[in-house]
């Protein structure tokens, strides 16, 4: 497995996504997810941008010290991948690597507007699929993804929904 993708497998990432499914997702929940990420970012001094969307509606956005407008471009590109596929950006990247294909070519989507780099995670609701997106940019892609997983896990724990 490619070192840039943390040794993930598509099978493991699919199981992770199932584990992170939510019972529901309201605007208030989406903001709380963003606030969890914001708190972790400030605590750790991370130069990241955090965004939470309900489909393509931005309900939470924060640019922490040290982040740049370039991070907003990455966020937008990652969001388009999740909206197009319903999967995390790292899942899409790992699956393409496992299949030995060029993701952009196979999907007919330009790299200029889409990014299969870690940090775009679907907010899946049981029985409904992808209702929202958690987006993080500013760390190496594996760390962006792992921070997103940590944030959703913390949200589920607070709601008593952690499996």
C-alpha atoms as a PDB file:
ATOM      1  CA  UNK A   1       0.000   0.000   0.000  1.00  0.00           C
ATOM      2  CA  UNK A   2       1.214   3.492  -0.812  1.00  0.00           C
ATOM      3  CA  UNK A   3       2.852   5.244   2.135  1.00  0.00           C
ATOM      4  CA  UNK A   4       0.963   8.489   1.435  1.00  0.00           C
ATOM      5  CA  UNK A   5      -2.329   6.791   2.249  1.00  0.00           C
ATOM      6  CA  UNK A   6      -1.323   5.403   5.601  1.00  0.00           C
ATOM      7  CA  UNK A   7      -1.508   1.735   4.659  1.00  0.00           C
ATOM      8  CA  UNK A   8      -5.316   1.877   4.532  1.00  0.00           C
ATOM      9  CA  UNK A   9      -7.349  -0.633   2.545  1.00  0.00           C
ATOM     10  CA  UNK A  10     -10.642   0.165   0.866  1.00  0.00           C
ATOM     11  CA  UNK A  11     -12.235  -2.665   2.849  1.00  0.00           C
ATOM     12  CA  UNK A  12     -11.010  -1.215   6.157  1.00  0.00           C
ATOM     13  CA  UNK A  13     -12.141   2.276   5.204  1.00  0.00           C
ATOM     14  CA  UNK A  14     -15.594   0.983   4.202  1.00  0.00           C
ATOM     15  CA  UNK A  15     -15.910  -0.678   7.624  1.00  0.00           C
ATOM     16  CA  UNK A  16     -14.749   2.532   9.294  1.00  0.00           C
ATOM     17  CA  UNK A  17     -17.440   4.501   7.431  1.00  0.00           C
ATOM     18  CA  UNK A  18     -20.096   2.024   8.604  1.00  0.00           C
ATOM     19  CA  UNK A  19     -18.864   2.383  12.201  1.00  0.00           C
ATOM     20  CA  UNK A  20     -19.125   6.180  11.952  1.00  0.00           C
ATOM     21  CA  UNK A  21     -22.766   6.246  10.772  1.00  0.00           C
ATOM     22  CA  UNK A  22     -25.009   8.679  12.618  1.00  0.00           C
ATOM     23  CA  UNK A  23     -28.586   8.138  13.791  1.00  0.00           C
ATOM     24  CA  UNK A  24     -29.531  11.599  12.493  1.00  0.00           C
ATOM     25  CA  UNK A  25     -27.908  14.858  11.453  1.00  0.00           C
ATOM     26  CA  UNK A  26     -29.410  18.287  12.090  1.00  0.00           C
ATOM     27  CA  UNK A  27     -27.941  21.714  11.485  1.00  0.00           C
ATOM     28  CA  UNK A  28     -27.224  21.912  15.235  1.00  0.00           C
ATOM     29  CA  UNK A  29     -25.409  18.548  15.063  1.00  0.00           C
ATOM     30  CA  UNK A  30     -23.345  19.720  12.091  1.00  0.00           C
ATOM     31  CA  UNK A  31     -22.282  22.817  14.011  1.00  0.00           C
ATOM     32  CA  UNK A  32     -21.395  20.691  17.052  1.00  0.00           C
ATOM     33  CA  UNK A  33     -19.216  18.478  14.849  1.00  0.00           C
ATOM     34  CA  UNK A  34     -17.453  21.607  13.603  1.00  0.00           C
ATOM     35  CA  UNK A  35     -16.985  22.866  17.161  1.00  0.00           C
ATOM     36  CA  UNK A  36     -15.417  19.561  18.225  1.00  0.00           C
ATOM     37  CA  UNK A  37     -12.938  19.862  15.360  1.00  0.00           C
ATOM     38  CA  UNK A  38     -12.320  23.519  16.221  1.00  0.00           C
ATOM     39  CA  UNK A  39     -11.601  22.694  19.875  1.00  0.00           C
ATOM     40  CA  UNK A  40      -9.176  19.909  18.907  1.00  0.00           C
ATOM     41  CA  UNK A  41      -7.486  22.174  16.378  1.00  0.00           C
ATOM     42  CA  UNK A  42      -6.967  24.959  18.904  1.00  0.00           C
ATOM     43  CA  UNK A  43      -5.841  22.548  21.653  1.00  0.00           C
ATOM     44  CA  UNK A  44      -3.211  21.074  19.321  1.00  0.00           C
ATOM     45  CA  UNK A  45      -2.216  24.326  17.622  1.00  0.00           C
ATOM     46  CA  UNK A  46      -3.143  22.972  14.183  1.00  0.00           C
ATOM     47  CA  UNK A  47      -3.040  25.261  11.154  1.00  0.00           C
ATOM     48  CA  UNK A  48      -6.191  23.833   9.569  1.00  0.00           C
ATOM     49  CA  UNK A  49      -9.425  24.821   7.940  1.00  0.00           C
ATOM     50  CA  UNK A  50     -12.560  23.016   9.093  1.00  0.00           C
ATOM     51  CA  UNK A  51     -15.848  22.954   7.250  1.00  0.00           C
ATOM     52  CA  UNK A  52     -19.073  21.076   7.859  1.00  0.00           C
ATOM     53  CA  UNK A  53     -21.784  20.922   5.222  1.00  0.00           C
ATOM     54  CA  UNK A  54     -25.292  19.607   4.932  1.00  0.00           C
ATOM     55  CA  UNK A  55     -24.979  18.402   1.324  1.00  0.00           C
ATOM     56  CA  UNK A  56     -23.547  21.504  -0.381  1.00  0.00           C
ATOM     57  CA  UNK A  57     -24.732  24.037   2.247  1.00  0.00           C
ATOM     58  CA  UNK A  58     -21.865  25.260   4.456  1.00  0.00           C
ATOM     59  CA  UNK A  59     -23.141  25.405   8.047  1.00  0.00           C
ATOM     60  CA  UNK A  60     -19.757  25.662   9.801  1.00  0.00           C
ATOM     61  CA  UNK A  61     -16.431  27.069   8.645  1.00  0.00           C
ATOM     62  CA  UNK A  62     -13.332  27.984  10.614  1.00  0.00           C
ATOM     63  CA  UNK A  63      -9.852  28.941   9.457  1.00  0.00           C
ATOM     64  CA  UNK A  64      -7.397  28.464  12.307  1.00  0.00           C
ATOM     65  CA  UNK A  65      -4.210  30.533  12.655  1.00  0.00           C
ATOM     66  CA  UNK A  66      -1.592  29.439  10.143  1.00  0.00           C
ATOM     67  CA  UNK A  67      -4.086  28.189   7.558  1.00  0.00           C
ATOM     68  CA  UNK A  68      -4.330  29.945   4.197  1.00  0.00           C
ATOM     69  CA  UNK A  69      -6.871  30.565   1.434  1.00  0.00           C
ATOM     70  CA  UNK A  70      -5.246  27.603  -0.377  1.00  0.00           C
ATOM     71  CA  UNK A  71      -6.825  25.358   2.286  1.00  0.00           C
ATOM     72  CA  UNK A  72     -10.258  26.648   1.233  1.00  0.00           C
ATOM     73  CA  UNK A  73      -9.493  25.520  -2.321  1.00  0.00           C
ATOM     74  CA  UNK A  74      -8.604  22.042  -1.040  1.00  0.00           C
ATOM     75  CA  UNK A  75     -11.812  21.948   1.023  1.00  0.00           C
ATOM     76  CA  UNK A  76     -13.918  22.751  -2.039  1.00  0.00           C
ATOM     77  CA  UNK A  77     -12.168  20.115  -4.154  1.00  0.00           C
ATOM     78  CA  UNK A  78     -12.551  17.442  -1.448  1.00  0.00           C
ATOM     79  CA  UNK A  79     -16.229  18.334  -0.952  1.00  0.00           C
ATOM     80  CA  UNK A  80     -16.920  17.747  -4.656  1.00  0.00           C
ATOM     81  CA  UNK A  81     -15.479  14.223  -4.383  1.00  0.00           C
ATOM     82  CA  UNK A  82     -17.667  13.335  -1.396  1.00  0.00           C
ATOM     83  CA  UNK A  83     -20.743  14.841  -3.079  1.00  0.00           C
ATOM     84  CA  UNK A  84     -20.011  12.891  -6.282  1.00  0.00           C
ATOM     85  CA  UNK A  85     -19.358   9.535  -4.610  1.00  0.00           C
ATOM     86  CA  UNK A  86     -20.813   9.527  -1.089  1.00  0.00           C
ATOM     87  CA  UNK A  87     -17.464   8.179   0.125  1.00  0.00           C
ATOM     88  CA  UNK A  88     -14.508   9.650   1.967  1.00  0.00           C
ATOM     89  CA  UNK A  89     -11.810  11.176  -0.163  1.00  0.00           C
ATOM     90  CA  UNK A  90      -9.189   8.798   1.218  1.00  0.00           C
ATOM     91  CA  UNK A  91     -11.437   5.806   0.422  1.00  0.00           C
ATOM     92  CA  UNK A  92     -11.707   6.949  -3.181  1.00  0.00           C
ATOM     93  CA  UNK A  93      -7.936   7.402  -3.408  1.00  0.00           C
ATOM     94  CA  UNK A  94      -7.121   4.031  -1.832  1.00  0.00           C
ATOM     95  CA  UNK A  95      -9.684   2.188  -3.982  1.00  0.00           C
ATOM     96  CA  UNK A  96      -8.244   3.733  -7.150  1.00  0.00           C
ATOM     97  CA  UNK A  97      -4.731   2.748  -6.041  1.00  0.00           C
ATOM     98  CA  UNK A  98      -5.866  -0.819  -5.316  1.00  0.00           C
ATOM     99  CA  UNK A  99      -7.492  -1.011  -8.749  1.00  0.00           C
ATOM    100  CA  UNK A 100      -4.465   0.560 -10.418  1.00  0.00           C
ATOM    101  CA  UNK A 101      -6.565   3.246 -12.088  1.00  0.00           C
ATOM    102  CA  UNK A 102      -6.419   7.015 -12.377  1.00  0.00           C
ATOM    103  CA  UNK A 103      -9.390   8.201 -10.312  1.00  0.00           C
ATOM    104  CA  UNK A 104      -9.876  11.411 -12.254  1.00  0.00           C
ATOM    105  CA  UNK A 105      -9.787   9.677 -15.616  1.00  0.00           C
ATOM    106  CA  UNK A 106     -12.103   6.854 -14.521  1.00  0.00           C
ATOM    107  CA  UNK A 107     -14.690   9.271 -13.104  1.00  0.00           C
ATOM    108  CA  UNK A 108     -14.319  11.836 -15.865  1.00  0.00           C
ATOM    109  CA  UNK A 109     -13.744  14.542 -13.248  1.00  0.00           C
ATOM    110  CA  UNK A 110     -10.892  17.067 -13.395  1.00  0.00           C
ATOM    111  CA  UNK A 111      -8.198  17.211 -10.739  1.00  0.00           C
ATOM    112  CA  UNK A 112      -8.462  21.006 -10.895  1.00  0.00           C
ATOM    113  CA  UNK A 113     -11.922  20.838  -9.250  1.00  0.00           C
ATOM    114  CA  UNK A 114     -11.748  17.522  -7.348  1.00  0.00           C
ATOM    115  CA  UNK A 115      -9.227  16.163  -4.815  1.00  0.00           C
ATOM    116  CA  UNK A 116      -8.955  12.548  -3.716  1.00  0.00           C
ATOM    117  CA  UNK A 117      -6.805  13.523  -0.754  1.00  0.00           C
ATOM    118  CA  UNK A 118      -7.688  12.647   2.826  1.00  0.00           C
ATOM    119  CA  UNK A 119      -9.807  15.003   4.867  1.00  0.00           C
ATOM    120  CA  UNK A 120     -13.226  14.766   3.246  1.00  0.00           C
ATOM    121  CA  UNK A 121     -15.519  12.495   5.253  1.00  0.00           C
ATOM    122  CA  UNK A 122     -19.188  11.858   4.542  1.00  0.00           C
ATOM    123  CA  UNK A 123     -21.589  12.315   7.417  1.00  0.00           C
ATOM    124  CA  UNK A 124     -23.717   9.257   6.755  1.00  0.00           C
ATOM    125  CA  UNK A 125     -27.067   8.797   8.438  1.00  0.00           C
ATOM    126  CA  UNK A 126     -28.338   5.238   8.872  1.00  0.00           C
ATOM    127  CA  UNK A 127     -30.872   4.478   6.154  1.00  0.00           C
ATOM    128  CA  UNK A 128     -30.240   7.747   4.297  1.00  0.00           C
ATOM    129  CA  UNK A 129     -26.570   7.719   3.295  1.00  0.00           C
ATOM    130  CA  UNK A 130     -24.506  10.867   2.908  1.00  0.00           C
ATOM    131  CA  UNK A 131     -26.407  13.821   4.386  1.00  0.00           C
ATOM    132  CA  UNK A 132     -23.406  16.002   5.198  1.00  0.00           C
ATOM    133  CA  UNK A 133     -19.645  16.311   4.967  1.00  0.00           C
ATOM    134  CA  UNK A 134     -16.849  17.001   7.437  1.00  0.00           C
ATOM    135  CA  UNK A 135     -13.874  18.596   5.694  1.00  0.00           C
ATOM    136  CA  UNK A 136     -10.410  19.238   7.103  1.00  0.00           C
ATOM    137  CA  UNK A 137      -7.411  20.691   5.276  1.00  0.00           C
ATOM    138  CA  UNK A 138      -3.961  21.696   6.413  1.00  0.00           C
ATOM    139  CA  UNK A 139      -2.308  18.504   7.641  1.00  0.00           C
ATOM    140  CA  UNK A 140      -0.808  15.667   5.599  1.00  0.00           C
ATOM    141  CA  UNK A 141      -3.772  13.824   4.044  1.00  0.00           C
ATOM    142  CA  UNK A 142      -3.690  10.803   6.365  1.00  0.00           C
ATOM    143  CA  UNK A 143      -3.687  13.126   9.394  1.00  0.00           C
ATOM    144  CA  UNK A 144      -6.562  15.176   7.926  1.00  0.00           C
ATOM    145  CA  UNK A 145      -8.546  11.936   7.633  1.00  0.00           C
ATOM    146  CA  UNK A 146      -7.625  10.632  11.081  1.00  0.00           C
ATOM    147  CA  UNK A 147      -8.576  13.932  12.708  1.00  0.00           C
ATOM    148  CA  UNK A 148     -11.943  13.727  10.948  1.00  0.00           C
ATOM    149  CA  UNK A 149     -12.451  10.199  12.266  1.00  0.00           C
ATOM    150  CA  UNK A 150     -11.548  11.372  15.764  1.00  0.00           C
ATOM    151  CA  UNK A 151     -14.046  14.242  15.530  1.00  0.00           C
ATOM    152  CA  UNK A 152     -16.935  12.033  14.362  1.00  0.00           C
ATOM    153  CA  UNK A 153     -16.057   9.418  16.993  1.00  0.00           C
ATOM    154  CA  UNK A 154     -16.170  12.088  19.717  1.00  0.00           C
ATOM    155  CA  UNK A 155     -19.515  13.363  18.412  1.00  0.00           C
ATOM    156  CA  UNK A 156     -20.954   9.820  18.463  1.00  0.00           C
ATOM    157  CA  UNK A 157     -19.624   9.286  21.992  1.00  0.00           C
ATOM    158  CA  UNK A 158     -21.292  12.481  23.209  1.00  0.00           C
ATOM    159  CA  UNK A 159     -24.586  11.345  21.669  1.00  0.00           C
ATOM    160  CA  UNK A 160     -24.251   7.862  23.158  1.00  0.00           C
ATOM    161  CA  UNK A 161     -24.264   6.390  19.633  1.00  0.00           C
ATOM    162  CA  UNK A 162     -20.775   4.913  19.580  1.00  0.00           C
ATOM    163  CA  UNK A 163     -20.858   1.236  18.666  1.00  0.00           C
END
